[in-house]
Amino acid sequence: MPGTYPLELNRAVPGGRVEMFAIEDDDYPGGWFYRFQYYHPKEGEILRYDNAHDDEDLGWHHRHVSFGEDTEIAFQNITAHVTRFLQEVDHLTTIEETTHD
């Protein structure tokens, strides 16, 4: 798609790093291909949202967590999805900070 630029973010946050990538792509439900992850560089993935493939049990939009089961996640639009992911990371980093005080 000419003129389409990806949404990209890579930064340190309490307890790890956040990497986000999204680009408009009509081949994916909702018109976006995306992967958002919060991880610890040594301990691995903590939280990930993605739509890399259509999963028989989870559908297209997935929420993967290291502390529970993978689930389907509702997708309204990319702005709401980014907001939800960052709010969940904020909640997890708050828990991380309070457990180490």
C-alpha atoms as a PDB file:
ATOM      1  CA  MET A   1       0.000   0.000   0.000  1.00  0.00           C
ATOM      2  CA  PRO A   2       1.795   3.149  -1.141  1.00  0.00           C
ATOM      3  CA  GLY A   3       1.921   5.867   1.473  1.00  0.00           C
ATOM      4  CA  THR A   4       1.106   3.537   4.366  1.00  0.00           C
ATOM      5  CA  TYR A   5       3.500   3.768   7.273  1.00  0.00           C
ATOM      6  CA  PRO A   6       3.622   1.319  10.151  1.00  0.00           C
ATOM      7  CA  LEU A   7       2.949   2.112  13.771  1.00  0.00           C
ATOM      8  CA  GLU A   8       6.114   1.096  15.656  1.00  0.00           C
ATOM      9  CA  LEU A   9       7.210   1.384  19.275  1.00  0.00           C
ATOM     10  CA  ASN A  10      10.118  -0.211  21.127  1.00  0.00           C
ATOM     11  CA  ARG A  11      10.862   1.006  24.643  1.00  0.00           C
ATOM     12  CA  ALA A  12      11.817  -0.012  28.133  1.00  0.00           C
ATOM     13  CA  VAL A  13       9.076  -0.077  30.767  1.00  0.00           C
ATOM     14  CA  PRO A  14       9.128  -1.269  34.388  1.00  0.00           C
ATOM     15  CA  GLY A  15       9.730  -5.018  34.389  1.00  0.00           C
ATOM     16  CA  GLY A  16      10.760  -5.302  30.737  1.00  0.00           C
ATOM     17  CA  ARG A  17      10.195  -3.899  27.260  1.00  0.00           C
ATOM     18  CA  VAL A  18       7.225  -3.106  25.036  1.00  0.00           C
ATOM     19  CA  GLU A  19       7.438  -3.687  21.294  1.00  0.00           C
ATOM     20  CA  MET A  20       4.532  -2.767  19.050  1.00  0.00           C
ATOM     21  CA  PHE A  21       4.117  -3.058  15.313  1.00  0.00           C
ATOM     22  CA  ALA A  22       0.986  -2.486  13.217  1.00  0.00           C
ATOM     23  CA  ILE A  23       0.418  -1.732   9.555  1.00  0.00           C
ATOM     24  CA  GLU A  24      -2.736  -1.356   7.520  1.00  0.00           C
ATOM     25  CA  ASP A  25      -3.410  -4.538   5.566  1.00  0.00           C
ATOM     26  CA  ASP A  26      -6.786  -5.404   4.061  1.00  0.00           C
ATOM     27  CA  ASP A  27      -5.880  -9.107   4.091  1.00  0.00           C
ATOM     28  CA  TYR A  28      -6.432  -9.142   7.886  1.00  0.00           C
ATOM     29  CA  PRO A  29      -9.743  -8.725   9.743  1.00  0.00           C
ATOM     30  CA  GLY A  30     -10.090  -5.151  10.921  1.00  0.00           C
ATOM     31  CA  GLY A  31      -7.754  -3.963   8.162  1.00  0.00           C
ATOM     32  CA  TRP A  32      -4.549  -4.206  10.237  1.00  0.00           C
ATOM     33  CA  PHE A  33      -1.730  -6.688  10.735  1.00  0.00           C
ATOM     34  CA  TYR A  34      -0.303  -6.234  14.235  1.00  0.00           C
ATOM     35  CA  ARG A  35       1.787  -7.692  17.039  1.00  0.00           C
ATOM     36  CA  PHE A  36       2.192  -6.062  20.415  1.00  0.00           C
ATOM     37  CA  GLN A  37       4.297  -7.616  23.140  1.00  0.00           C
ATOM     38  CA  TYR A  38       5.457  -6.907  26.649  1.00  0.00           C
ATOM     39  CA  TYR A  39       8.391  -9.089  27.659  1.00  0.00           C
ATOM     40  CA  HIS A  40      11.362  -9.399  29.944  1.00  0.00           C
ATOM     41  CA  PRO A  41      14.618  -9.688  27.965  1.00  0.00           C
ATOM     42  CA  LYS A  42      15.848 -12.650  30.030  1.00  0.00           C
ATOM     43  CA  GLU A  43      12.614 -14.263  31.213  1.00  0.00           C
ATOM     44  CA  GLY A  44      10.648 -13.971  27.959  1.00  0.00           C
ATOM     45  CA  GLU A  45       7.156 -13.002  26.938  1.00  0.00           C
ATOM     46  CA  ILE A  46       4.711 -11.690  29.526  1.00  0.00           C
ATOM     47  CA  LEU A  47       1.855 -10.461  27.305  1.00  0.00           C
ATOM     48  CA  ARG A  48       1.252 -10.455  23.547  1.00  0.00           C
ATOM     49  CA  TYR A  49      -1.613  -9.405  21.294  1.00  0.00           C
ATOM     50  CA  ASP A  50      -1.469 -10.478  17.640  1.00  0.00           C
ATOM     51  CA  ASN A  51      -3.413 -11.517  14.582  1.00  0.00           C
ATOM     52  CA  ALA A  52      -0.693 -13.503  12.817  1.00  0.00           C
ATOM     53  CA  HIS A  53      -3.037 -16.313  11.804  1.00  0.00           C
ATOM     54  CA  ASP A  54      -6.594 -17.566  12.150  1.00  0.00           C
ATOM     55  CA  ASP A  55      -6.602 -19.956  15.108  1.00  0.00           C
ATOM     56  CA  GLU A  56      -9.304 -22.635  15.142  1.00  0.00           C
ATOM     57  CA  ASP A  57     -10.082 -22.009  18.826  1.00  0.00           C
ATOM     58  CA  LEU A  58      -9.192 -18.326  19.211  1.00  0.00           C
ATOM     59  CA  GLY A  59     -10.162 -16.737  15.905  1.00  0.00           C
ATOM     60  CA  TRP A  60      -7.981 -14.008  14.413  1.00  0.00           C
ATOM     61  CA  HIS A  61      -7.293 -11.742  17.367  1.00  0.00           C
ATOM     62  CA  HIS A  62      -5.243 -13.416  20.125  1.00  0.00           C
ATOM     63  CA  ARG A  63      -4.144 -12.499  23.639  1.00  0.00           C
ATOM     64  CA  HIS A  64      -1.224 -14.592  24.888  1.00  0.00           C
ATOM     65  CA  VAL A  65      -0.066 -14.431  28.505  1.00  0.00           C
ATOM     66  CA  SER A  66       2.703 -16.175  30.389  1.00  0.00           C
ATOM     67  CA  PHE A  67       0.544 -16.392  33.521  1.00  0.00           C
ATOM     68  CA  GLY A  68      -2.631 -17.953  32.123  1.00  0.00           C
ATOM     69  CA  GLU A  69      -4.407 -19.247  29.051  1.00  0.00           C
ATOM     70  CA  ASP A  70      -4.347 -17.752  25.567  1.00  0.00           C
ATOM     71  CA  THR A  71      -7.674 -16.164  24.688  1.00  0.00           C
ATOM     72  CA  GLU A  72      -9.543 -14.571  21.831  1.00  0.00           C
ATOM     73  CA  ILE A  73      -9.690 -10.800  22.174  1.00  0.00           C
ATOM     74  CA  ALA A  74     -12.240  -8.409  20.681  1.00  0.00           C
ATOM     75  CA  PHE A  75     -10.983  -5.990  18.022  1.00  0.00           C
ATOM     76  CA  GLN A  76     -12.931  -2.748  17.464  1.00  0.00           C
ATOM     77  CA  ASN A  77     -10.239  -0.664  15.770  1.00  0.00           C
ATOM     78  CA  ILE A  78      -6.484  -0.185  16.026  1.00  0.00           C
ATOM     79  CA  THR A  79      -6.720   2.809  18.385  1.00  0.00           C
ATOM     80  CA  ALA A  80      -8.871   0.932  20.903  1.00  0.00           C
ATOM     81  CA  HIS A  81      -6.622  -2.130  20.619  1.00  0.00           C
ATOM     82  CA  VAL A  82      -3.430  -0.143  21.272  1.00  0.00           C
ATOM     83  CA  THR A  83      -5.129   1.586  24.211  1.00  0.00           C
ATOM     84  CA  ARG A  84      -6.293  -1.702  25.715  1.00  0.00           C
ATOM     85  CA  PHE A  85      -2.842  -3.275  25.345  1.00  0.00           C
ATOM     86  CA  LEU A  86      -1.048  -0.298  26.911  1.00  0.00           C
ATOM     87  CA  GLN A  87      -3.566  -0.167  29.775  1.00  0.00           C
ATOM     88  CA  GLU A  88      -2.945  -3.858  30.447  1.00  0.00           C
ATOM     89  CA  VAL A  89       0.836  -3.302  30.363  1.00  0.00           C
ATOM     90  CA  ASP A  90       0.397  -0.366  32.761  1.00  0.00           C
ATOM     91  CA  HIS A  91      -1.561  -2.597  35.126  1.00  0.00           C
ATOM     92  CA  LEU A  92       1.087  -5.339  34.916  1.00  0.00           C
ATOM     93  CA  THR A  93       3.966  -2.898  35.448  1.00  0.00           C
ATOM     94  CA  THR A  94       2.178  -1.468  38.493  1.00  0.00           C
ATOM     95  CA  ILE A  95       1.880  -4.986  39.914  1.00  0.00           C
ATOM     96  CA  GLU A  96       5.573  -5.596  39.107  1.00  0.00           C
ATOM     97  CA  GLU A  97       6.612  -2.398  40.906  1.00  0.00           C
ATOM     98  CA  THR A  98       4.533  -3.142  44.013  1.00  0.00           C
ATOM     99  CA  THR A  99       5.764  -6.732  44.330  1.00  0.00           C
ATOM    100  CA  HIS A 100       9.383  -5.557  44.413  1.00  0.00           C
ATOM    101  CA  ASP A 101       9.006  -2.711  46.925  1.00  0.00           C
END
